[in-house]
Amino acid sequence: MTEIIDFLEKEDPFLKLTQQCDIICEHCPNNINGICKDNKKVDSIDKRCLERYDMKFDDMIKWSELKKLAYQNIISQKQLAIVCLDCQWRTLCFI
């Protein structure tokens, strides 16, 4: 995950907001043939985020813009615990 965050910070690529496993999930043990074992949990977190960003799946956005939206609409509003509930990566959102 550290390598992925380093890449995102350095390259600031456009990201496609997807509803299935992506390249970040590539080596995750919960990725079973392209479907997350915890898909129900992940999908609900994603939908709560997209709602706060006023975006939808398949939208494209630069990493820096997505990060700004997350800060403005979730982190600075003290909504992280509500939006992300039991996400094990939640602490990375403070980076």
N, C-alpha and C. Protein backbone atom coordinates (compact mmCIF):
# COMPACT_ATOMS: atom_id res chain seq x y z
N MET A 1 0.83 -1.19 0.00
CA MET A 1 0.00 0.00 0.00
C MET A 1 0.87 1.25 0.00
N THR A 2 1.99 1.20 0.71
CA THR A 2 2.90 2.34 0.73
C THR A 2 3.41 2.66 -0.68
N GLU A 3 3.75 1.63 -1.44
CA GLU A 3 4.22 1.83 -2.82
C GLU A 3 3.14 2.47 -3.68
N ILE A 4 1.91 2.06 -3.50
CA ILE A 4 0.81 2.61 -4.27
C ILE A 4 0.61 4.09 -3.93
N ILE A 5 0.64 4.41 -2.66
CA ILE A 5 0.47 5.81 -2.24
C ILE A 5 1.62 6.65 -2.76
N ASP A 6 2.84 6.13 -2.70
CA ASP A 6 4.00 6.86 -3.24
C ASP A 6 3.81 7.14 -4.73
N PHE A 7 3.35 6.14 -5.47
CA PHE A 7 3.11 6.32 -6.91
C PHE A 7 2.04 7.39 -7.15
N LEU A 8 0.93 7.31 -6.42
CA LEU A 8 -0.15 8.28 -6.59
C LEU A 8 0.34 9.70 -6.31
N GLU A 9 1.11 9.86 -5.26
CA GLU A 9 1.62 11.19 -4.90
C GLU A 9 2.60 11.71 -5.96
N LYS A 10 3.43 10.85 -6.47
CA LYS A 10 4.45 11.26 -7.44
C LYS A 10 3.85 11.53 -8.82
N GLU A 11 2.99 10.66 -9.28
CA GLU A 11 2.47 10.73 -10.65
C GLU A 11 1.16 11.51 -10.80
N ASP A 12 0.37 11.60 -9.74
CA ASP A 12 -0.93 12.26 -9.76
C ASP A 12 -1.76 11.84 -10.99
N PRO A 13 -1.99 10.53 -11.13
CA PRO A 13 -2.70 10.05 -12.32
C PRO A 13 -4.21 10.31 -12.24
N PHE A 14 -4.85 10.17 -13.40
CA PHE A 14 -6.30 10.12 -13.41
C PHE A 14 -6.72 8.73 -12.93
N LEU A 15 -7.77 8.68 -12.13
CA LEU A 15 -8.29 7.42 -11.60
C LEU A 15 -9.72 7.24 -12.08
N LYS A 16 -10.06 6.01 -12.37
CA LYS A 16 -11.45 5.67 -12.70
C LYS A 16 -12.05 5.06 -11.45
N LEU A 17 -13.15 5.63 -10.99
CA LEU A 17 -13.82 5.14 -9.79
C LEU A 17 -14.62 3.90 -10.16
N THR A 18 -14.14 2.78 -9.70
CA THR A 18 -14.69 1.50 -10.14
C THR A 18 -15.39 0.76 -9.01
N GLN A 19 -16.30 -0.09 -9.39
CA GLN A 19 -17.10 -0.83 -8.41
C GLN A 19 -16.60 -2.26 -8.23
N GLN A 20 -15.50 -2.60 -8.86
CA GLN A 20 -14.96 -3.94 -8.71
C GLN A 20 -13.50 -3.85 -8.31
N CYS A 21 -12.88 -4.98 -8.11
CA CYS A 21 -11.46 -4.99 -7.76
C CYS A 21 -10.67 -4.26 -8.85
N ASP A 22 -9.64 -3.53 -8.42
CA ASP A 22 -8.81 -2.78 -9.35
C ASP A 22 -7.35 -3.16 -9.13
N ILE A 23 -6.43 -2.39 -9.69
CA ILE A 23 -5.02 -2.75 -9.54
C ILE A 23 -4.53 -2.63 -8.11
N ILE A 24 -5.17 -1.80 -7.31
CA ILE A 24 -4.80 -1.72 -5.89
C ILE A 24 -5.11 -3.04 -5.19
N CYS A 25 -6.17 -3.69 -5.61
CA CYS A 25 -6.61 -4.95 -5.00
C CYS A 25 -5.88 -6.17 -5.56
N GLU A 26 -5.03 -5.96 -6.55
CA GLU A 26 -4.43 -7.05 -7.30
C GLU A 26 -3.84 -8.17 -6.44
N HIS A 27 -3.12 -7.82 -5.39
CA HIS A 27 -2.44 -8.83 -4.56
C HIS A 27 -3.13 -9.09 -3.23
N CYS A 28 -4.28 -8.50 -3.04
CA CYS A 28 -5.01 -8.68 -1.78
C CYS A 28 -5.55 -10.10 -1.68
N PRO A 29 -5.40 -10.73 -0.52
CA PRO A 29 -5.92 -12.09 -0.36
C PRO A 29 -7.45 -12.16 -0.41
N ASN A 30 -8.12 -11.01 -0.25
CA ASN A 30 -9.58 -10.99 -0.33
C ASN A 30 -10.08 -10.89 -1.77
N ASN A 31 -9.18 -10.68 -2.72
CA ASN A 31 -9.53 -10.63 -4.14
C ASN A 31 -9.61 -12.07 -4.67
N ILE A 32 -10.82 -12.52 -4.89
CA ILE A 32 -11.04 -13.88 -5.37
C ILE A 32 -11.61 -13.80 -6.78
N ASN A 33 -10.71 -14.02 -7.76
CA ASN A 33 -11.09 -13.95 -9.18
C ASN A 33 -11.73 -12.61 -9.54
N GLY A 34 -11.17 -11.52 -9.02
CA GLY A 34 -11.64 -10.18 -9.36
C GLY A 34 -12.82 -9.70 -8.54
N ILE A 35 -13.23 -10.48 -7.56
CA ILE A 35 -14.34 -10.08 -6.69
C ILE A 35 -13.85 -10.09 -5.25
N CYS A 36 -14.08 -8.99 -4.56
CA CYS A 36 -13.62 -8.89 -3.17
C CYS A 36 -14.49 -9.75 -2.26
N LYS A 37 -13.82 -10.50 -1.41
CA LYS A 37 -14.53 -11.31 -0.42
C LYS A 37 -15.38 -10.43 0.49
N ASP A 38 -14.91 -9.20 0.70
CA ASP A 38 -15.63 -8.23 1.54
C ASP A 38 -16.38 -7.21 0.68
N ASN A 39 -16.84 -7.62 -0.49
CA ASN A 39 -17.43 -6.70 -1.46
C ASN A 39 -18.59 -5.89 -0.88
N LYS A 40 -19.40 -6.50 -0.06
CA LYS A 40 -20.55 -5.79 0.52
C LYS A 40 -20.07 -4.60 1.36
N LYS A 41 -19.06 -4.83 2.20
CA LYS A 41 -18.51 -3.78 3.05
C LYS A 41 -17.84 -2.70 2.20
N VAL A 42 -17.00 -3.11 1.26
CA VAL A 42 -16.27 -2.17 0.42
C VAL A 42 -17.24 -1.34 -0.42
N ASP A 43 -18.25 -1.98 -0.98
CA ASP A 43 -19.22 -1.29 -1.81
C ASP A 43 -19.97 -0.22 -1.02
N SER A 44 -20.33 -0.53 0.21
CA SER A 44 -21.06 0.45 1.02
C SER A 44 -20.16 1.64 1.38
N ILE A 45 -18.89 1.40 1.66
CA ILE A 45 -17.96 2.50 1.93
C ILE A 45 -17.79 3.36 0.68
N ASP A 46 -17.57 2.71 -0.46
CA ASP A 46 -17.42 3.44 -1.72
C ASP A 46 -18.63 4.31 -2.01
N LYS A 47 -19.81 3.77 -1.84
CA LYS A 47 -21.03 4.52 -2.12
C LYS A 47 -21.18 5.72 -1.19
N ARG A 48 -20.83 5.56 0.09
CA ARG A 48 -20.90 6.69 1.02
C ARG A 48 -19.91 7.79 0.63
N CYS A 49 -18.73 7.38 0.17
CA CYS A 49 -17.74 8.36 -0.29
C CYS A 49 -18.24 9.08 -1.54
N LEU A 50 -18.67 8.33 -2.53
CA LEU A 50 -19.13 8.93 -3.78
C LEU A 50 -20.29 9.90 -3.55
N GLU A 51 -21.16 9.56 -2.64
CA GLU A 51 -22.28 10.44 -2.31
C GLU A 51 -21.76 11.79 -1.79
N ARG A 52 -20.76 11.75 -0.93
CA ARG A 52 -20.20 12.99 -0.38
C ARG A 52 -19.37 13.76 -1.40
N TYR A 53 -18.86 13.08 -2.41
CA TYR A 53 -18.08 13.73 -3.47
C TYR A 53 -18.97 14.22 -4.61
N ASP A 54 -20.26 13.86 -4.58
CA ASP A 54 -21.17 14.13 -5.68
C ASP A 54 -20.63 13.54 -6.99
N MET A 55 -20.22 12.27 -6.88
CA MET A 55 -19.66 11.55 -8.03
C MET A 55 -20.36 10.20 -8.13
N LYS A 56 -20.02 9.45 -9.20
CA LYS A 56 -20.58 8.12 -9.38
C LYS A 56 -19.50 7.18 -9.91
N PHE A 57 -19.78 5.90 -9.85
CA PHE A 57 -18.85 4.92 -10.39
C PHE A 57 -18.62 5.20 -11.88
N ASP A 58 -17.41 4.95 -12.33
CA ASP A 58 -16.94 5.18 -13.70
C ASP A 58 -16.53 6.61 -13.97
N ASP A 59 -16.73 7.53 -13.03
CA ASP A 59 -16.19 8.89 -13.20
C ASP A 59 -14.67 8.82 -13.15
N MET A 60 -14.04 9.78 -13.80
CA MET A 60 -12.58 9.90 -13.79
C MET A 60 -12.21 11.17 -13.02
N ILE A 61 -11.12 11.07 -12.25
CA ILE A 61 -10.67 12.22 -11.45
C ILE A 61 -9.18 12.06 -11.17
N LYS A 62 -8.46 13.17 -11.12
CA LYS A 62 -7.04 13.11 -10.76
C LYS A 62 -6.92 12.77 -9.27
N TRP A 63 -5.86 12.06 -8.93
CA TRP A 63 -5.61 11.67 -7.55
C TRP A 63 -5.64 12.87 -6.61
N SER A 64 -4.98 13.96 -7.00
CA SER A 64 -4.91 15.14 -6.13
C SER A 64 -6.30 15.72 -5.88
N GLU A 65 -7.17 15.69 -6.87
CA GLU A 65 -8.53 16.20 -6.70
C GLU A 65 -9.36 15.28 -5.81
N LEU A 66 -9.20 13.98 -5.99
CA LEU A 66 -9.92 13.02 -5.15
C LEU A 66 -9.49 13.16 -3.69
N LYS A 67 -8.20 13.34 -3.50
CA LYS A 67 -7.67 13.52 -2.15
C LYS A 67 -8.23 14.79 -1.52
N LYS A 68 -8.33 15.86 -2.31
CA LYS A 68 -8.88 17.12 -1.82
C LYS A 68 -10.36 16.95 -1.44
N LEU A 69 -11.12 16.24 -2.28
CA LEU A 69 -12.53 15.99 -1.97
C LEU A 69 -12.68 15.19 -0.68
N ALA A 70 -11.82 14.19 -0.51
CA ALA A 70 -11.88 13.37 0.71
C ALA A 70 -11.61 14.24 1.93
N TYR A 71 -10.62 15.12 1.83
CA TYR A 71 -10.31 15.97 2.97
C TYR A 71 -11.47 16.93 3.26
N GLN A 72 -11.95 17.61 2.23
CA GLN A 72 -12.99 18.63 2.41
C GLN A 72 -14.32 18.05 2.86
N ASN A 73 -14.68 16.90 2.32
CA ASN A 73 -16.03 16.37 2.54
C ASN A 73 -16.13 15.27 3.59
N ILE A 74 -15.00 14.72 3.99
CA ILE A 74 -15.04 13.63 4.97
C ILE A 74 -14.13 13.93 6.16
N ILE A 75 -12.84 14.07 5.89
CA ILE A 75 -11.88 14.20 6.99
C ILE A 75 -12.09 15.48 7.78
N SER A 76 -12.13 16.64 7.11
CA SER A 76 -12.28 17.91 7.85
C SER A 76 -13.66 18.04 8.48
N GLN A 77 -14.62 17.28 7.97
CA GLN A 77 -15.98 17.30 8.53
C GLN A 77 -16.15 16.26 9.65
N LYS A 78 -15.04 15.60 10.00
CA LYS A 78 -15.03 14.57 11.05
C LYS A 78 -16.04 13.45 10.75
N GLN A 79 -16.07 13.04 9.48
CA GLN A 79 -16.99 12.00 9.03
C GLN A 79 -16.29 10.67 8.73
N LEU A 80 -14.97 10.63 8.90
CA LEU A 80 -14.22 9.44 8.52
C LEU A 80 -14.72 8.18 9.23
N ALA A 81 -14.94 8.25 10.51
CA ALA A 81 -15.40 7.07 11.26
C ALA A 81 -16.80 6.64 10.82
N ILE A 82 -17.60 7.58 10.38
CA ILE A 82 -18.96 7.27 9.92
C ILE A 82 -18.93 6.69 8.51
N VAL A 83 -18.18 7.34 7.63
CA VAL A 83 -18.14 6.91 6.23
C VAL A 83 -17.40 5.59 6.08
N CYS A 84 -16.27 5.47 6.74
CA CYS A 84 -15.40 4.32 6.52
C CYS A 84 -15.58 3.20 7.56
N LEU A 85 -16.35 3.44 8.56
CA LEU A 85 -16.68 2.45 9.59
C LEU A 85 -15.51 1.56 9.94
N ASP A 86 -15.51 0.32 9.48
CA ASP A 86 -14.48 -0.63 9.90
C ASP A 86 -13.41 -0.89 8.83
N CYS A 87 -13.12 0.13 8.01
CA CYS A 87 -12.09 -0.02 6.99
C CYS A 87 -10.72 -0.11 7.64
N GLN A 88 -9.96 -1.14 7.32
CA GLN A 88 -8.64 -1.33 7.92
C GLN A 88 -7.60 -0.34 7.38
N TRP A 89 -7.91 0.37 6.29
CA TRP A 89 -6.98 1.33 5.71
C TRP A 89 -7.27 2.76 6.15
N ARG A 90 -8.24 2.94 7.01
CA ARG A 90 -8.71 4.28 7.40
C ARG A 90 -7.59 5.20 7.86
N THR A 91 -6.62 4.68 8.60
CA THR A 91 -5.56 5.54 9.13
C THR A 91 -4.71 6.14 8.00
N LEU A 92 -4.67 5.51 6.83
CA LEU A 92 -3.92 6.05 5.71
C LEU A 92 -4.53 7.33 5.16
N CYS A 93 -5.77 7.60 5.47
CA CYS A 93 -6.44 8.80 4.98
C CYS A 93 -5.91 10.06 5.64
N PHE A 94 -5.09 9.93 6.64
CA PHE A 94 -4.53 11.11 7.30
C PHE A 94 -3.18 11.48 6.71
N ILE A 95 -2.72 10.71 5.74
CA ILE A 95 -1.41 10.97 5.14
C ILE A 95 -1.49 12.18 4.23
